Amino acid sequence: MSDDHAKTPADHIGDTLAQLKEMRHYSKNNVETLTASWLLYDGELSKLKQADKIAALMDRQNQLHDALETTITELEDVLEKMQPPPEE
């Protein structure tokens, strides 16, 4: 299969941004779902001495979400700088 249009570095960054934004979407949904479960079962998990494990997972998921946000913003800035100036 021949590729008529070779991807530019900007195309690769755009593809990566799309993937990161999809990951961010799922990360946000995962945090919300885990938080909802946490609120429902906090009492039971505490009794079973499992609450700390879930809290640690929630912290890690939030860290991932924050890192995704930062990386997306930085790559968007890089992509913007790669765009040619508008023609007058």
N, C-alpha and C. Protein backbone atom coordinates (compact mmCIF):
# COMPACT_ATOMS: atom_id res chain seq x y z
N MET A 1 0.85 -1.17 0.00
CA MET A 1 0.00 0.00 0.00
C MET A 1 0.90 1.23 0.00
N SER A 2 0.73 2.07 -1.00
CA SER A 2 1.54 3.26 -1.16
C SER A 2 0.89 4.45 -0.46
N ASP A 3 1.72 5.27 0.14
CA ASP A 3 1.21 6.47 0.82
C ASP A 3 1.47 7.66 -0.09
N ASP A 4 0.39 8.21 -0.70
CA ASP A 4 0.54 9.33 -1.62
C ASP A 4 0.97 10.60 -0.91
N HIS A 5 0.63 10.71 0.34
CA HIS A 5 0.92 11.94 1.09
C HIS A 5 1.69 11.57 2.35
N ALA A 6 2.99 11.83 2.31
CA ALA A 6 3.80 11.55 3.50
C ALA A 6 3.42 12.53 4.60
N LYS A 7 3.33 12.03 5.80
CA LYS A 7 2.96 12.89 6.93
C LYS A 7 4.10 13.82 7.30
N THR A 8 3.72 15.03 7.61
CA THR A 8 4.68 16.03 8.07
C THR A 8 4.82 15.92 9.59
N PRO A 9 5.84 16.55 10.16
CA PRO A 9 5.93 16.58 11.62
C PRO A 9 4.66 17.16 12.26
N ALA A 10 4.07 18.16 11.63
CA ALA A 10 2.83 18.73 12.18
C ALA A 10 1.70 17.71 12.16
N ASP A 11 1.65 16.87 11.10
CA ASP A 11 0.64 15.81 11.03
C ASP A 11 0.82 14.82 12.19
N HIS A 12 2.08 14.47 12.46
CA HIS A 12 2.36 13.52 13.55
C HIS A 12 1.95 14.12 14.90
N ILE A 13 2.24 15.40 15.09
CA ILE A 13 1.84 16.05 16.34
C ILE A 13 0.33 16.10 16.44
N GLY A 14 -0.34 16.40 15.33
CA GLY A 14 -1.80 16.42 15.32
C GLY A 14 -2.38 15.06 15.67
N ASP A 15 -1.80 13.99 15.12
CA ASP A 15 -2.25 12.63 15.44
C ASP A 15 -2.05 12.32 16.92
N THR A 16 -0.89 12.72 17.44
CA THR A 16 -0.60 12.48 18.86
C THR A 16 -1.56 13.26 19.74
N LEU A 17 -1.84 14.51 19.35
CA LEU A 17 -2.80 15.31 20.11
C LEU A 17 -4.17 14.66 20.14
N ALA A 18 -4.61 14.13 19.01
CA ALA A 18 -5.92 13.47 18.95
C ALA A 18 -5.95 12.27 19.90
N GLN A 19 -4.87 11.50 19.93
CA GLN A 19 -4.81 10.34 20.82
C GLN A 19 -4.80 10.77 22.29
N LEU A 20 -4.04 11.81 22.60
CA LEU A 20 -3.98 12.30 23.98
C LEU A 20 -5.33 12.85 24.42
N LYS A 21 -6.02 13.54 23.52
CA LYS A 21 -7.34 14.07 23.88
C LYS A 21 -8.34 12.95 24.13
N GLU A 22 -8.21 11.87 23.37
CA GLU A 22 -9.07 10.71 23.62
C GLU A 22 -8.74 10.09 24.97
N MET A 23 -7.45 9.99 25.28
CA MET A 23 -7.04 9.46 26.58
C MET A 23 -7.55 10.35 27.71
N ARG A 24 -7.49 11.67 27.50
CA ARG A 24 -7.98 12.61 28.52
C ARG A 24 -9.46 12.40 28.76
N HIS A 25 -10.21 12.21 27.69
CA HIS A 25 -11.65 11.97 27.82
C HIS A 25 -11.93 10.74 28.68
N TYR A 26 -11.24 9.65 28.36
CA TYR A 26 -11.45 8.42 29.13
C TYR A 26 -10.92 8.55 30.55
N SER A 27 -9.83 9.27 30.72
CA SER A 27 -9.27 9.48 32.05
C SER A 27 -10.28 10.21 32.93
N LYS A 28 -10.89 11.25 32.37
CA LYS A 28 -11.88 12.02 33.12
C LYS A 28 -13.06 11.13 33.50
N ASN A 29 -13.53 10.34 32.55
CA ASN A 29 -14.65 9.44 32.85
C ASN A 29 -14.26 8.41 33.91
N ASN A 30 -13.03 7.90 33.84
CA ASN A 30 -12.57 6.93 34.83
C ASN A 30 -12.53 7.55 36.22
N VAL A 31 -12.03 8.78 36.33
CA VAL A 31 -11.97 9.45 37.63
C VAL A 31 -13.38 9.64 38.18
N GLU A 32 -14.30 10.07 37.32
CA GLU A 32 -15.67 10.30 37.77
C GLU A 32 -16.33 8.99 38.22
N THR A 33 -16.11 7.92 37.48
CA THR A 33 -16.70 6.63 37.84
C THR A 33 -16.10 6.10 39.14
N LEU A 34 -14.79 6.19 39.26
CA LEU A 34 -14.14 5.71 40.47
C LEU A 34 -14.57 6.54 41.68
N THR A 35 -14.71 7.84 41.51
CA THR A 35 -15.16 8.70 42.60
C THR A 35 -16.57 8.34 43.02
N ALA A 36 -17.44 8.10 42.04
CA ALA A 36 -18.82 7.71 42.36
C ALA A 36 -18.84 6.40 43.13
N SER A 37 -18.04 5.44 42.70
CA SER A 37 -17.96 4.16 43.41
C SER A 37 -17.42 4.36 44.82
N TRP A 38 -16.41 5.20 44.92
CA TRP A 38 -15.81 5.50 46.21
C TRP A 38 -16.84 6.05 47.18
N LEU A 39 -17.63 6.99 46.71
CA LEU A 39 -18.64 7.60 47.57
C LEU A 39 -19.69 6.58 48.01
N LEU A 40 -20.03 5.66 47.12
CA LEU A 40 -21.04 4.65 47.46
C LEU A 40 -20.52 3.62 48.46
N TYR A 41 -19.25 3.27 48.33
CA TYR A 41 -18.72 2.14 49.10
C TYR A 41 -17.65 2.51 50.11
N ASP A 42 -17.47 3.78 50.38
CA ASP A 42 -16.42 4.21 51.30
C ASP A 42 -16.54 3.51 52.65
N GLY A 43 -17.73 3.45 53.19
CA GLY A 43 -17.92 2.81 54.50
C GLY A 43 -17.52 1.35 54.48
N GLU A 44 -17.99 0.62 53.48
CA GLU A 44 -17.67 -0.80 53.39
C GLU A 44 -16.18 -1.03 53.16
N LEU A 45 -15.58 -0.20 52.31
CA LEU A 45 -14.15 -0.35 52.03
C LEU A 45 -13.31 -0.04 53.27
N SER A 46 -13.76 0.93 54.03
CA SER A 46 -13.03 1.27 55.26
C SER A 46 -13.08 0.10 56.24
N LYS A 47 -14.25 -0.51 56.36
CA LYS A 47 -14.38 -1.66 57.26
C LYS A 47 -13.48 -2.81 56.84
N LEU A 48 -13.29 -2.95 55.54
CA LEU A 48 -12.45 -4.03 55.02
C LEU A 48 -10.98 -3.63 54.92
N LYS A 49 -10.67 -2.42 55.35
CA LYS A 49 -9.31 -1.88 55.29
C LYS A 49 -8.78 -1.85 53.85
N GLN A 50 -9.67 -1.49 52.92
CA GLN A 50 -9.31 -1.40 51.51
C GLN A 50 -9.42 0.04 50.98
N ALA A 51 -9.87 0.95 51.81
CA ALA A 51 -10.11 2.33 51.36
C ALA A 51 -8.83 3.01 50.89
N ASP A 52 -7.71 2.76 51.56
CA ASP A 52 -6.45 3.40 51.18
C ASP A 52 -6.00 2.99 49.77
N LYS A 53 -6.28 1.75 49.39
CA LYS A 53 -5.90 1.28 48.06
C LYS A 53 -6.67 2.04 46.98
N ILE A 54 -7.96 2.25 47.22
CA ILE A 54 -8.78 2.97 46.24
C ILE A 54 -8.38 4.44 46.21
N ALA A 55 -8.10 5.01 47.35
CA ALA A 55 -7.67 6.41 47.40
C ALA A 55 -6.37 6.59 46.62
N ALA A 56 -5.46 5.65 46.73
CA ALA A 56 -4.20 5.72 46.00
C ALA A 56 -4.44 5.65 44.49
N LEU A 57 -5.36 4.78 44.07
CA LEU A 57 -5.69 4.69 42.65
C LEU A 57 -6.32 5.99 42.14
N MET A 58 -7.17 6.58 42.95
CA MET A 58 -7.80 7.85 42.56
C MET A 58 -6.74 8.93 42.40
N ASP A 59 -5.77 8.97 43.31
CA ASP A 59 -4.69 9.95 43.22
C ASP A 59 -3.88 9.76 41.94
N ARG A 60 -3.55 8.51 41.63
CA ARG A 60 -2.77 8.23 40.43
C ARG A 60 -3.54 8.60 39.16
N GLN A 61 -4.83 8.28 39.16
CA GLN A 61 -5.65 8.61 38.00
C GLN A 61 -5.73 10.12 37.81
N ASN A 62 -5.84 10.86 38.90
CA ASN A 62 -5.86 12.32 38.83
C ASN A 62 -4.52 12.86 38.33
N GLN A 63 -3.42 12.25 38.77
CA GLN A 63 -2.10 12.67 38.30
C GLN A 63 -1.97 12.45 36.79
N LEU A 64 -2.46 11.31 36.31
CA LEU A 64 -2.43 11.04 34.88
C LEU A 64 -3.25 12.08 34.13
N HIS A 65 -4.44 12.37 34.64
CA HIS A 65 -5.31 13.35 33.98
C HIS A 65 -4.62 14.72 33.92
N ASP A 66 -4.00 15.13 35.01
CA ASP A 66 -3.29 16.42 35.04
C ASP A 66 -2.12 16.42 34.05
N ALA A 67 -1.38 15.32 33.99
CA ALA A 67 -0.25 15.23 33.06
C ALA A 67 -0.74 15.28 31.62
N LEU A 68 -1.86 14.64 31.34
CA LEU A 68 -2.42 14.69 29.99
C LEU A 68 -2.79 16.13 29.63
N GLU A 69 -3.42 16.84 30.55
CA GLU A 69 -3.80 18.24 30.30
C GLU A 69 -2.57 19.08 29.97
N THR A 70 -1.52 18.93 30.75
CA THR A 70 -0.30 19.70 30.55
C THR A 70 0.33 19.38 29.20
N THR A 71 0.43 18.10 28.89
CA THR A 71 1.05 17.68 27.63
C THR A 71 0.24 18.15 26.43
N ILE A 72 -1.07 18.06 26.52
CA ILE A 72 -1.93 18.52 25.42
C ILE A 72 -1.71 20.01 25.18
N THR A 73 -1.70 20.79 26.24
CA THR A 73 -1.50 22.23 26.11
C THR A 73 -0.15 22.54 25.47
N GLU A 74 0.89 21.85 25.92
CA GLU A 74 2.23 22.09 25.38
C GLU A 74 2.31 21.70 23.91
N LEU A 75 1.73 20.56 23.53
CA LEU A 75 1.77 20.15 22.13
C LEU A 75 0.92 21.05 21.25
N GLU A 76 -0.17 21.56 21.77
CA GLU A 76 -0.97 22.51 21.00
C GLU A 76 -0.17 23.77 20.71
N ASP A 77 0.62 24.21 21.69
CA ASP A 77 1.49 25.37 21.48
C ASP A 77 2.55 25.09 20.42
N VAL A 78 3.14 23.90 20.47
CA VAL A 78 4.16 23.52 19.48
C VAL A 78 3.52 23.49 18.10
N LEU A 79 2.35 22.88 17.99
CA LEU A 79 1.68 22.77 16.70
C LEU A 79 1.33 24.14 16.15
N GLU A 80 0.89 25.03 17.01
CA GLU A 80 0.55 26.39 16.58
C GLU A 80 1.77 27.10 16.02
N LYS A 81 2.92 26.92 16.66
CA LYS A 81 4.16 27.56 16.19
C LYS A 81 4.65 26.97 14.88
N MET A 82 4.24 25.73 14.58
CA MET A 82 4.66 25.08 13.34
C MET A 82 3.84 25.52 12.13
N GLN A 83 2.69 26.13 12.38
CA GLN A 83 1.82 26.54 11.29
C GLN A 83 2.44 27.73 10.55
N PRO A 84 2.32 27.74 9.23
CA PRO A 84 2.87 28.88 8.48
C PRO A 84 2.07 30.14 8.81
N PRO A 85 2.73 31.29 8.73
CA PRO A 85 2.01 32.53 9.01
C PRO A 85 0.92 32.74 7.95
N PRO A 86 -0.18 33.39 8.33
CA PRO A 86 -1.27 33.62 7.37
C PRO A 86 -0.81 34.53 6.23
N GLU A 87 -1.29 34.23 5.05
CA GLU A 87 -0.94 35.05 3.89
C GLU A 87 -1.76 36.32 3.91
N GLU A 88 -1.13 37.41 3.51
CA GLU A 88 -1.83 38.70 3.50
C GLU A 88 -2.26 39.08 2.11
